[in-house]
mmCIF file of all heavy atoms, coordinates in Angstrom:
data_MODEL
# 
_entry.id   MODEL 
# 
loop_
_atom_site.group_PDB 
_atom_site.id 
_atom_site.type_symbol 
_atom_site.label_atom_id 
_atom_site.label_alt_id 
_atom_site.label_comp_id 
_atom_site.label_asym_id 
_atom_site.label_entity_id 
_atom_site.label_seq_id 
_atom_site.pdbx_PDB_ins_code 
_atom_site.Cartn_x 
_atom_site.Cartn_y 
_atom_site.Cartn_z 
_atom_site.occupancy 
_atom_site.B_iso_or_equiv 
_atom_site.pdbx_formal_charge 
_atom_site.auth_seq_id 
_atom_site.auth_comp_id 
_atom_site.auth_asym_id 
_atom_site.auth_atom_id 
_atom_site.pdbx_PDB_model_num 
ATOM 1   N N   . GLY A 1 1  ? -209.561 -38.793 -71.184 1.00 0.00 ? 1  GLY A N   1 
ATOM 2   C CA  . GLY A 1 1  ? -210.697 -39.537 -70.641 1.00 0.00 ? 1  GLY A CA  1 
ATOM 3   C C   . GLY A 1 1  ? -210.300 -40.593 -69.630 1.00 0.00 ? 1  GLY A C   1 
ATOM 4   O O   . GLY A 1 1  ? -210.610 -41.763 -69.791 1.00 0.00 ? 1  GLY A O   1 
ATOM 5   N N   . GLN A 1 2  ? -209.613 -40.177 -68.590 1.00 0.00 ? 2  GLN A N   1 
ATOM 6   C CA  . GLN A 1 2  ? -209.173 -41.105 -67.552 1.00 0.00 ? 2  GLN A CA  1 
ATOM 7   C C   . GLN A 1 2  ? -210.346 -41.892 -66.975 1.00 0.00 ? 2  GLN A C   1 
ATOM 8   O O   . GLN A 1 2  ? -210.231 -43.078 -66.700 1.00 0.00 ? 2  GLN A O   1 
ATOM 9   C CB  . GLN A 1 2  ? -208.479 -40.318 -66.436 1.00 0.00 ? 2  GLN A CB  1 
ATOM 10  C CG  . GLN A 1 2  ? -208.005 -41.149 -65.234 1.00 0.00 ? 2  GLN A CG  1 
ATOM 11  C CD  . GLN A 1 2  ? -206.763 -41.955 -65.536 1.00 0.00 ? 2  GLN A CD  1 
ATOM 12  O OE1 . GLN A 1 2  ? -206.144 -41.753 -66.572 1.00 0.00 ? 2  GLN A OE1 1 
ATOM 13  N NE2 . GLN A 1 2  ? -206.426 -42.871 -64.658 1.00 0.00 ? 2  GLN A NE2 1 
ATOM 14  N N   . ARG A 1 3  ? -211.500 -41.236 -66.812 1.00 0.00 ? 3  ARG A N   1 
ATOM 15  C CA  . ARG A 1 3  ? -212.673 -41.884 -66.211 1.00 0.00 ? 3  ARG A CA  1 
ATOM 16  C C   . ARG A 1 3  ? -213.181 -43.048 -67.035 1.00 0.00 ? 3  ARG A C   1 
ATOM 17  O O   . ARG A 1 3  ? -213.814 -43.955 -66.520 1.00 0.00 ? 3  ARG A O   1 
ATOM 18  C CB  . ARG A 1 3  ? -213.802 -40.865 -66.029 1.00 0.00 ? 3  ARG A CB  1 
ATOM 19  C CG  . ARG A 1 3  ? -213.514 -39.761 -65.068 1.00 0.00 ? 3  ARG A CG  1 
ATOM 20  C CD  . ARG A 1 3  ? -213.564 -40.220 -63.628 1.00 0.00 ? 3  ARG A CD  1 
ATOM 21  N NE  . ARG A 1 3  ? -214.900 -40.627 -63.235 1.00 0.00 ? 3  ARG A NE  1 
ATOM 22  C CZ  . ARG A 1 3  ? -215.207 -41.114 -62.057 1.00 0.00 ? 3  ARG A CZ  1 
ATOM 23  N NH1 . ARG A 1 3  ? -214.263 -41.274 -61.153 1.00 0.00 ? 3  ARG A NH1 1 
ATOM 24  N NH2 . ARG A 1 3  ? -216.443 -41.468 -61.754 1.00 0.00 ? 3  ARG A NH2 1 
ATOM 25  N N   . LEU A 1 4  ? -212.896 -43.036 -68.339 1.00 0.00 ? 4  LEU A N   1 
ATOM 26  C CA  . LEU A 1 4  ? -213.376 -44.116 -69.196 1.00 0.00 ? 4  LEU A CA  1 
ATOM 27  C C   . LEU A 1 4  ? -212.738 -45.449 -68.839 1.00 0.00 ? 4  LEU A C   1 
ATOM 28  O O   . LEU A 1 4  ? -213.274 -46.505 -69.134 1.00 0.00 ? 4  LEU A O   1 
ATOM 29  C CB  . LEU A 1 4  ? -213.117 -43.782 -70.670 1.00 0.00 ? 4  LEU A CB  1 
ATOM 30  C CG  . LEU A 1 4  ? -213.899 -42.594 -71.230 1.00 0.00 ? 4  LEU A CG  1 
ATOM 31  C CD1 . LEU A 1 4  ? -213.489 -42.322 -72.664 1.00 0.00 ? 4  LEU A CD1 1 
ATOM 32  C CD2 . LEU A 1 4  ? -215.393 -42.841 -71.139 1.00 0.00 ? 4  LEU A CD2 1 
ATOM 33  N N   . ARG A 1 5  ? -211.571 -45.399 -68.219 1.00 0.00 ? 5  ARG A N   1 
ATOM 34  C CA  . ARG A 1 5  ? -210.903 -46.637 -67.850 1.00 0.00 ? 5  ARG A CA  1 
ATOM 35  C C   . ARG A 1 5  ? -211.403 -47.193 -66.517 1.00 0.00 ? 5  ARG A C   1 
ATOM 36  O O   . ARG A 1 5  ? -211.037 -48.275 -66.105 1.00 0.00 ? 5  ARG A O   1 
ATOM 37  C CB  . ARG A 1 5  ? -209.379 -46.409 -67.787 1.00 0.00 ? 5  ARG A CB  1 
ATOM 38  C CG  . ARG A 1 5  ? -208.765 -46.170 -69.154 1.00 0.00 ? 5  ARG A CG  1 
ATOM 39  C CD  . ARG A 1 5  ? -207.270 -46.399 -69.112 1.00 0.00 ? 5  ARG A CD  1 
ATOM 40  N NE  . ARG A 1 5  ? -206.567 -45.351 -68.389 1.00 0.00 ? 5  ARG A NE  1 
ATOM 41  C CZ  . ARG A 1 5  ? -206.124 -44.231 -68.965 1.00 0.00 ? 5  ARG A CZ  1 
ATOM 42  N NH1 . ARG A 1 5  ? -206.352 -44.002 -70.253 1.00 0.00 ? 5  ARG A NH1 1 
ATOM 43  N NH2 . ARG A 1 5  ? -205.481 -43.327 -68.258 1.00 0.00 ? 5  ARG A NH2 1 
ATOM 44  N N   . ALA A 1 6  ? -212.248 -46.432 -65.833 1.00 0.00 ? 6  ALA A N   1 
ATOM 45  C CA  . ALA A 1 6  ? -212.851 -46.904 -64.594 1.00 0.00 ? 6  ALA A CA  1 
ATOM 46  C C   . ALA A 1 6  ? -213.956 -47.914 -64.915 1.00 0.00 ? 6  ALA A C   1 
ATOM 47  O O   . ALA A 1 6  ? -214.502 -47.944 -66.016 1.00 0.00 ? 6  ALA A O   1 
ATOM 48  C CB  . ALA A 1 6  ? -213.432 -45.728 -63.817 1.00 0.00 ? 6  ALA A CB  1 
ATOM 49  N N   . THR A 1 7  ? -214.293 -48.754 -63.932 1.00 0.00 ? 7  THR A N   1 
ATOM 50  C CA  . THR A 1 7  ? -215.346 -49.735 -64.139 1.00 0.00 ? 7  THR A CA  1 
ATOM 51  C C   . THR A 1 7  ? -216.707 -49.046 -64.153 1.00 0.00 ? 7  THR A C   1 
ATOM 52  O O   . THR A 1 7  ? -216.857 -47.914 -63.702 1.00 0.00 ? 7  THR A O   1 
ATOM 53  C CB  . THR A 1 7  ? -215.323 -50.791 -63.028 1.00 0.00 ? 7  THR A CB  1 
ATOM 54  O OG1 . THR A 1 7  ? -215.634 -50.142 -61.776 1.00 0.00 ? 7  THR A OG1 1 
ATOM 55  C CG2 . THR A 1 7  ? -213.966 -51.476 -62.933 1.00 0.00 ? 7  THR A CG2 1 
ATOM 56  N N   . PHE A 1 8  ? -217.718 -49.790 -64.635 1.00 0.00 ? 8  PHE A N   1 
ATOM 57  C CA  . PHE A 1 8  ? -219.080 -49.255 -64.655 1.00 0.00 ? 8  PHE A CA  1 
ATOM 58  C C   . PHE A 1 8  ? -219.538 -48.918 -63.237 1.00 0.00 ? 8  PHE A C   1 
ATOM 59  O O   . PHE A 1 8  ? -220.163 -47.876 -63.004 1.00 0.00 ? 8  PHE A O   1 
ATOM 60  C CB  . PHE A 1 8  ? -220.025 -50.288 -65.276 1.00 0.00 ? 8  PHE A CB  1 
ATOM 61  C CG  . PHE A 1 8  ? -221.471 -49.892 -65.221 1.00 0.00 ? 8  PHE A CG  1 
ATOM 62  C CD1 . PHE A 1 8  ? -221.983 -48.942 -66.088 1.00 0.00 ? 8  PHE A CD1 1 
ATOM 63  C CD2 . PHE A 1 8  ? -222.318 -50.459 -64.276 1.00 0.00 ? 8  PHE A CD2 1 
ATOM 64  C CE1 . PHE A 1 8  ? -223.318 -48.564 -66.028 1.00 0.00 ? 8  PHE A CE1 1 
ATOM 65  C CE2 . PHE A 1 8  ? -223.648 -50.089 -64.207 1.00 0.00 ? 8  PHE A CE2 1 
ATOM 66  C CZ  . PHE A 1 8  ? -224.151 -49.144 -65.088 1.00 0.00 ? 8  PHE A CZ  1 
ATOM 67  N N   . ALA A 1 9  ? -219.209 -49.794 -62.277 1.00 0.00 ? 9  ALA A N   1 
ATOM 68  C CA  . ALA A 1 9  ? -219.599 -49.565 -60.882 1.00 0.00 ? 9  ALA A CA  1 
ATOM 69  C C   . ALA A 1 9  ? -218.990 -48.281 -60.349 1.00 0.00 ? 9  ALA A C   1 
ATOM 70  O O   . ALA A 1 9  ? -219.652 -47.494 -59.658 1.00 0.00 ? 9  ALA A O   1 
ATOM 71  C CB  . ALA A 1 9  ? -219.180 -50.751 -60.020 1.00 0.00 ? 9  ALA A CB  1 
ATOM 72  N N   . THR A 1 10 ? -217.711 -48.047 -60.657 1.00 0.00 ? 10 THR A N   1 
ATOM 73  C CA  . THR A 1 10 ? -217.039 -46.837 -60.184 1.00 0.00 ? 10 THR A CA  1 
ATOM 74  C C   . THR A 1 10 ? -217.685 -45.594 -60.772 1.00 0.00 ? 10 THR A C   1 
ATOM 75  O O   . THR A 1 10 ? -217.910 -44.598 -60.074 1.00 0.00 ? 10 THR A O   1 
ATOM 76  C CB  . THR A 1 10 ? -215.550 -46.869 -60.561 1.00 0.00 ? 10 THR A CB  1 
ATOM 77  O OG1 . THR A 1 10 ? -214.966 -48.068 -60.053 1.00 0.00 ? 10 THR A OG1 1 
ATOM 78  C CG2 . THR A 1 10 ? -214.807 -45.679 -60.005 1.00 0.00 ? 10 THR A CG2 1 
ATOM 79  N N   . ARG A 1 11 ? -217.996 -45.644 -62.075 1.00 0.00 ? 11 ARG A N   1 
ATOM 80  C CA  . ARG A 1 11 ? -218.565 -44.471 -62.746 1.00 0.00 ? 11 ARG A CA  1 
ATOM 81  C C   . ARG A 1 11 ? -219.980 -44.153 -62.271 1.00 0.00 ? 11 ARG A C   1 
ATOM 82  O O   . ARG A 1 11 ? -220.436 -43.019 -62.389 1.00 0.00 ? 11 ARG A O   1 
ATOM 83  C CB  . ARG A 1 11 ? -218.554 -44.681 -64.264 1.00 0.00 ? 11 ARG A CB  1 
ATOM 84  C CG  . ARG A 1 11 ? -217.169 -44.764 -64.881 1.00 0.00 ? 11 ARG A CG  1 
ATOM 85  C CD  . ARG A 1 11 ? -217.216 -44.548 -66.388 1.00 0.00 ? 11 ARG A CD  1 
ATOM 86  N NE  . ARG A 1 11 ? -218.107 -45.465 -67.060 1.00 0.00 ? 11 ARG A NE  1 
ATOM 87  C CZ  . ARG A 1 11 ? -217.758 -46.661 -67.533 1.00 0.00 ? 11 ARG A CZ  1 
ATOM 88  N NH1 . ARG A 1 11 ? -216.512 -47.078 -67.384 1.00 0.00 ? 11 ARG A NH1 1 
ATOM 89  N NH2 . ARG A 1 11 ? -218.622 -47.430 -68.148 1.00 0.00 ? 11 ARG A NH2 1 
ATOM 90  N N   . THR A 1 12 ? -220.692 -45.164 -61.757 1.00 0.00 ? 12 THR A N   1 
ATOM 91  C CA  . THR A 1 12 ? -222.090 -44.946 -61.361 1.00 0.00 ? 12 THR A CA  1 
ATOM 92  C C   . THR A 1 12 ? -222.274 -44.728 -59.860 1.00 0.00 ? 12 THR A C   1 
ATOM 93  O O   . THR A 1 12 ? -223.403 -44.552 -59.413 1.00 0.00 ? 12 THR A O   1 
ATOM 94  C CB  . THR A 1 12 ? -222.962 -46.149 -61.787 1.00 0.00 ? 12 THR A CB  1 
ATOM 95  O OG1 . THR A 1 12 ? -222.444 -47.350 -61.179 1.00 0.00 ? 12 THR A OG1 1 
ATOM 96  C CG2 . THR A 1 12 ? -222.982 -46.312 -63.290 1.00 0.00 ? 12 THR A CG2 1 
ATOM 97  N N   . MET A 1 13 ? -221.191 -44.725 -59.094 1.00 0.00 ? 13 MET A N   1 
ATOM 98  C CA  . MET A 1 13 ? -221.316 -44.603 -57.645 1.00 0.00 ? 13 MET A CA  1 
ATOM 99  C C   . MET A 1 13 ? -222.018 -43.314 -57.229 1.00 0.00 ? 13 MET A C   1 
ATOM 100 O O   . MET A 1 13 ? -222.868 -43.314 -56.341 1.00 0.00 ? 13 MET A O   1 
ATOM 101 C CB  . MET A 1 13 ? -219.943 -44.677 -56.975 1.00 0.00 ? 13 MET A CB  1 
ATOM 102 C CG  . MET A 1 13 ? -219.325 -46.069 -56.971 1.00 0.00 ? 13 MET A CG  1 
ATOM 103 S SD  . MET A 1 13 ? -220.295 -47.291 -56.053 1.00 0.00 ? 13 MET A SD  1 
ATOM 104 C CE  . MET A 1 13 ? -219.825 -46.901 -54.374 1.00 0.00 ? 13 MET A CE  1 
ATOM 105 N N   . ARG A 1 14 ? -221.692 -42.203 -57.878 1.00 0.00 ? 14 ARG A N   1 
ATOM 106 C CA  . ARG A 1 14 ? -222.243 -40.919 -57.449 1.00 0.00 ? 14 ARG A CA  1 
ATOM 107 C C   . ARG A 1 14 ? -223.725 -40.792 -57.763 1.00 0.00 ? 14 ARG A C   1 
ATOM 108 O O   . ARG A 1 14 ? -224.548 -40.617 -56.863 1.00 0.00 ? 14 ARG A O   1 
ATOM 109 C CB  . ARG A 1 14 ? -221.447 -39.774 -58.080 1.00 0.00 ? 14 ARG A CB  1 
ATOM 110 C CG  . ARG A 1 14 ? -220.072 -39.588 -57.461 1.00 0.00 ? 14 ARG A CG  1 
ATOM 111 C CD  . ARG A 1 14 ? -219.268 -38.531 -58.191 1.00 0.00 ? 14 ARG A CD  1 
ATOM 112 N NE  . ARG A 1 14 ? -217.923 -38.409 -57.625 1.00 0.00 ? 14 ARG A NE  1 
ATOM 113 C CZ  . ARG A 1 14 ? -216.939 -37.739 -58.195 1.00 0.00 ? 14 ARG A CZ  1 
ATOM 114 N NH1 . ARG A 1 14 ? -217.134 -37.121 -59.346 1.00 0.00 ? 14 ARG A NH1 1 
ATOM 115 N NH2 . ARG A 1 14 ? -215.751 -37.677 -57.622 1.00 0.00 ? 14 ARG A NH2 1 
ATOM 116 N N   . TYR A 1 15 ? -224.060 -40.863 -59.047 1.00 0.00 ? 15 TYR A N   1 
ATOM 117 C CA  . TYR A 1 15 ? -225.475 -40.662 -59.372 1.00 0.00 ? 15 TYR A CA  1 
ATOM 118 C C   . TYR A 1 15 ? -226.317 -41.862 -58.977 1.00 0.00 ? 15 TYR A C   1 
ATOM 119 O O   . TYR A 1 15 ? -227.507 -41.741 -58.685 1.00 0.00 ? 15 TYR A O   1 
ATOM 120 C CB  . TYR A 1 15 ? -225.681 -40.289 -60.842 1.00 0.00 ? 15 TYR A CB  1 
ATOM 121 C CG  . TYR A 1 15 ? -225.334 -41.325 -61.864 1.00 0.00 ? 15 TYR A CG  1 
ATOM 122 C CD1 . TYR A 1 15 ? -226.203 -42.377 -62.148 1.00 0.00 ? 15 TYR A CD1 1 
ATOM 123 C CD2 . TYR A 1 15 ? -224.155 -41.252 -62.612 1.00 0.00 ? 15 TYR A CD2 1 
ATOM 124 C CE1 . TYR A 1 15 ? -225.904 -43.315 -63.117 1.00 0.00 ? 15 TYR A CE1 1 
ATOM 125 C CE2 . TYR A 1 15 ? -223.850 -42.184 -63.581 1.00 0.00 ? 15 TYR A CE2 1 
ATOM 126 C CZ  . TYR A 1 15 ? -224.730 -43.220 -63.831 1.00 0.00 ? 15 TYR A CZ  1 
ATOM 127 O OH  . TYR A 1 15 ? -224.429 -44.153 -64.792 1.00 0.00 ? 15 TYR A OH  1 
ATOM 128 N N   . GLY A 1 16 ? -225.696 -43.053 -58.926 1.00 0.00 ? 16 GLY A N   1 
ATOM 129 C CA  . GLY A 1 16 ? -226.411 -44.224 -58.431 1.00 0.00 ? 16 GLY A CA  1 
ATOM 130 C C   . GLY A 1 16 ? -226.772 -44.050 -56.972 1.00 0.00 ? 16 GLY A C   1 
ATOM 131 O O   . GLY A 1 16 ? -227.872 -44.411 -56.540 1.00 0.00 ? 16 GLY A O   1 
ATOM 132 N N   . GLY A 1 17 ? -225.865 -43.465 -56.196 1.00 0.00 ? 17 GLY A N   1 
ATOM 133 C CA  . GLY A 1 17 ? -226.130 -43.203 -54.790 1.00 0.00 ? 17 GLY A CA  1 
ATOM 134 C C   . GLY A 1 17 ? -227.256 -42.205 -54.602 1.00 0.00 ? 17 GLY A C   1 
ATOM 135 O O   . GLY A 1 17 ? -228.095 -42.353 -53.699 1.00 0.00 ? 17 GLY A O   1 
ATOM 136 N N   . VAL A 1 18 ? -227.312 -41.177 -55.445 1.00 0.00 ? 18 VAL A N   1 
ATOM 137 C CA  . VAL A 1 18 ? -228.393 -40.185 -55.369 1.00 0.00 ? 18 VAL A CA  1 
ATOM 138 C C   . VAL A 1 18 ? -229.741 -40.848 -55.662 1.00 0.00 ? 18 VAL A C   1 
ATOM 139 O O   . VAL A 1 18 ? -230.735 -40.613 -54.957 1.00 0.00 ? 18 VAL A O   1 
ATOM 140 C CB  . VAL A 1 18 ? -228.137 -39.034 -56.364 1.00 0.00 ? 18 VAL A CB  1 
ATOM 141 C CG1 . VAL A 1 18 ? -229.351 -38.099 -56.423 1.00 0.00 ? 18 VAL A CG1 1 
ATOM 142 C CG2 . VAL A 1 18 ? -226.887 -38.254 -55.975 1.00 0.00 ? 18 VAL A CG2 1 
ATOM 143 N N   . ILE A 1 19 ? -229.776 -41.690 -56.698 1.00 0.00 ? 19 ILE A N   1 
ATOM 144 C CA  . ILE A 1 19 ? -231.015 -42.389 -57.048 1.00 0.00 ? 19 ILE A CA  1 
ATOM 145 C C   . ILE A 1 19 ? -231.457 -43.296 -55.904 1.00 0.00 ? 19 ILE A C   1 
ATOM 146 O O   . ILE A 1 19 ? -232.646 -43.374 -55.563 1.00 0.00 ? 19 ILE A O   1 
ATOM 147 C CB  . ILE A 1 19 ? -230.833 -43.197 -58.350 1.00 0.00 ? 19 ILE A CB  1 
ATOM 148 C CG1 . ILE A 1 19 ? -230.633 -42.253 -59.534 1.00 0.00 ? 19 ILE A CG1 1 
ATOM 149 C CG2 . ILE A 1 19 ? -232.034 -44.114 -58.600 1.00 0.00 ? 19 ILE A CG2 1 
ATOM 150 C CD1 . ILE A 1 19 ? -230.240 -42.948 -60.822 1.00 0.00 ? 19 ILE A CD1 1 
ATOM 151 N N   . LEU A 1 20 ? -230.502 -43.987 -55.279 1.00 0.00 ? 20 LEU A N   1 
ATOM 152 C CA  . LEU A 1 20 ? -230.824 -44.875 -54.157 1.00 0.00 ? 20 LEU A CA  1 
ATOM 153 C C   . LEU A 1 20 ? -231.376 -44.088 -52.969 1.00 0.00 ? 20 LEU A C   1 
ATOM 154 O O   . LEU A 1 20 ? -232.303 -44.546 -52.292 1.00 0.00 ? 20 LEU A O   1 
ATOM 155 C CB  . LEU A 1 20 ? -229.587 -45.661 -53.736 1.00 0.00 ? 20 LEU A CB  1 
ATOM 156 C CG  . LEU A 1 20 ? -229.181 -46.806 -54.669 1.00 0.00 ? 20 LEU A CG  1 
ATOM 157 C CD1 . LEU A 1 20 ? -227.833 -47.387 -54.250 1.00 0.00 ? 20 LEU A CD1 1 
ATOM 158 C CD2 . LEU A 1 20 ? -230.255 -47.897 -54.666 1.00 0.00 ? 20 LEU A CD2 1 
ATOM 159 N N   . ALA A 1 21 ? -230.814 -42.917 -52.704 1.00 0.00 ? 21 ALA A N   1 
ATOM 160 C CA  . ALA A 1 21 ? -231.301 -42.081 -51.607 1.00 0.00 ? 21 ALA A CA  1 
ATOM 161 C C   . ALA A 1 21 ? -232.754 -41.667 -51.855 1.00 0.00 ? 21 ALA A C   1 
ATOM 162 O O   . ALA A 1 21 ? -233.600 -41.707 -50.942 1.00 0.00 ? 21 ALA A O   1 
ATOM 163 C CB  . ALA A 1 21 ? -230.420 -40.844 -51.446 1.00 0.00 ? 21 ALA A CB  1 
ATOM 164 N N   . LEU A 1 22 ? -233.074 -41.290 -53.098 1.00 0.00 ? 22 LEU A N   1 
ATOM 165 C CA  . LEU A 1 22 ? -234.448 -40.925 -53.447 1.00 0.00 ? 22 LEU A CA  1 
ATOM 166 C C   . LEU A 1 22 ? -235.377 -42.130 -53.343 1.00 0.00 ? 22 LEU A C   1 
ATOM 167 O O   . LEU A 1 22 ? -236.517 -42.019 -52.878 1.00 0.00 ? 22 LEU A O   1 
ATOM 168 C CB  . LEU A 1 22 ? -234.499 -40.350 -54.864 1.00 0.00 ? 22 LEU A CB  1 
ATOM 169 C CG  . LEU A 1 22 ? -233.778 -39.014 -55.070 1.00 0.00 ? 22 LEU A CG  1 
ATOM 170 C CD1 . LEU A 1 22 ? -233.768 -38.646 -56.551 1.00 0.00 ? 22 LEU A CD1 1 
ATOM 171 C CD2 . LEU A 1 22 ? -234.438 -37.912 -54.252 1.00 0.00 ? 22 LEU A CD2 1 
ATOM 172 N N   . PHE A 1 23 ? -234.860 -43.304 -53.749 1.00 0.00 ? 23 PHE A N   1 
ATOM 173 C CA  . PHE A 1 23 ? -235.668 -44.530 -53.665 1.00 0.00 ? 23 PHE A CA  1 
ATOM 174 C C   . PHE A 1 23 ? -235.982 -44.876 -52.208 1.00 0.00 ? 23 PHE A C   1 
ATOM 175 O O   . PHE A 1 23 ? -237.097 -45.312 -51.896 1.00 0.00 ? 23 PHE A O   1 
ATOM 176 C CB  . PHE A 1 23 ? -234.933 -45.698 -54.320 1.00 0.00 ? 23 PHE A CB  1 
ATOM 177 C CG  . PHE A 1 23 ? -235.591 -47.032 -54.048 1.00 0.00 ? 23 PHE A CG  1 
ATOM 178 C CD1 . PHE A 1 23 ? -236.763 -47.376 -54.691 1.00 0.00 ? 23 PHE A CD1 1 
ATOM 179 C CD2 . PHE A 1 23 ? -235.038 -47.920 -53.127 1.00 0.00 ? 23 PHE A CD2 1 
ATOM 180 C CE1 . PHE A 1 23 ? -237.386 -48.594 -54.431 1.00 0.00 ? 23 PHE A CE1 1 
ATOM 181 C CE2 . PHE A 1 23 ? -235.642 -49.134 -52.861 1.00 0.00 ? 23 PHE A CE2 1 
ATOM 182 C CZ  . PHE A 1 23 ? -236.822 -49.480 -53.518 1.00 0.00 ? 23 PHE A CZ  1 
ATOM 183 N N   . ILE A 1 24 ? -235.017 -44.709 -51.306 1.00 0.00 ? 24 ILE A N   1 
ATOM 184 C CA  . ILE A 1 24 ? -235.235 -45.007 -49.892 1.00 0.00 ? 24 ILE A CA  1 
ATOM 185 C C   . ILE A 1 24 ? -236.383 -44.165 -49.343 1.00 0.00 ? 24 ILE A C   1 
ATOM 186 O O   . ILE A 1 24 ? -237.255 -44.675 -48.629 1.00 0.00 ? 24 ILE A O   1 
ATOM 187 C CB  . ILE A 1 24 ? -233.944 -44.769 -49.080 1.00 0.00 ? 24 ILE A CB  1 
ATOM 188 C CG1 . ILE A 1 24 ? -232.906 -45.840 -49.425 1.00 0.00 ? 24 ILE A CG1 1 
ATOM 189 C CG2 . ILE A 1 24 ? -234.232 -44.786 -47.576 1.00 0.00 ? 24 ILE A CG2 1 
ATOM 190 C CD1 . ILE A 1 24 ? -231.532 -45.558 -48.877 1.00 0.00 ? 24 ILE A CD1 1 
ATOM 191 N N   . VAL A 1 25 ? -236.403 -42.878 -49.706 1.00 0.00 ? 25 VAL A N   1 
ATOM 192 C CA  . VAL A 1 25 ? -237.486 -41.997 -49.255 1.00 0.00 ? 25 VAL A CA  1 
ATOM 193 C C   . VAL A 1 25 ? -238.824 -42.510 -49.773 1.00 0.00 ? 25 VAL A C   1 
ATOM 194 O O   . VAL A 1 25 ? -239.802 -42.642 -49.018 1.00 0.00 ? 25 VAL A O   1 
ATOM 195 C CB  . VAL A 1 25 ? -237.245 -40.546 -49.730 1.00 0.00 ? 25 VAL A CB  1 
ATOM 196 C CG1 . VAL A 1 25 ? -238.452 -39.672 -49.404 1.00 0.00 ? 25 VAL A CG1 1 
ATOM 197 C CG2 . VAL A 1 25 ? -235.984 -39.981 -49.087 1.00 0.00 ? 25 VAL A CG2 1 
# 
């Protein structure tokens, strides 16, 4: 579980970015 040692911000960059793109629309 290497990803577990990443920060919350790092782990949420991908799906957070998708949500933000939908919000912009």
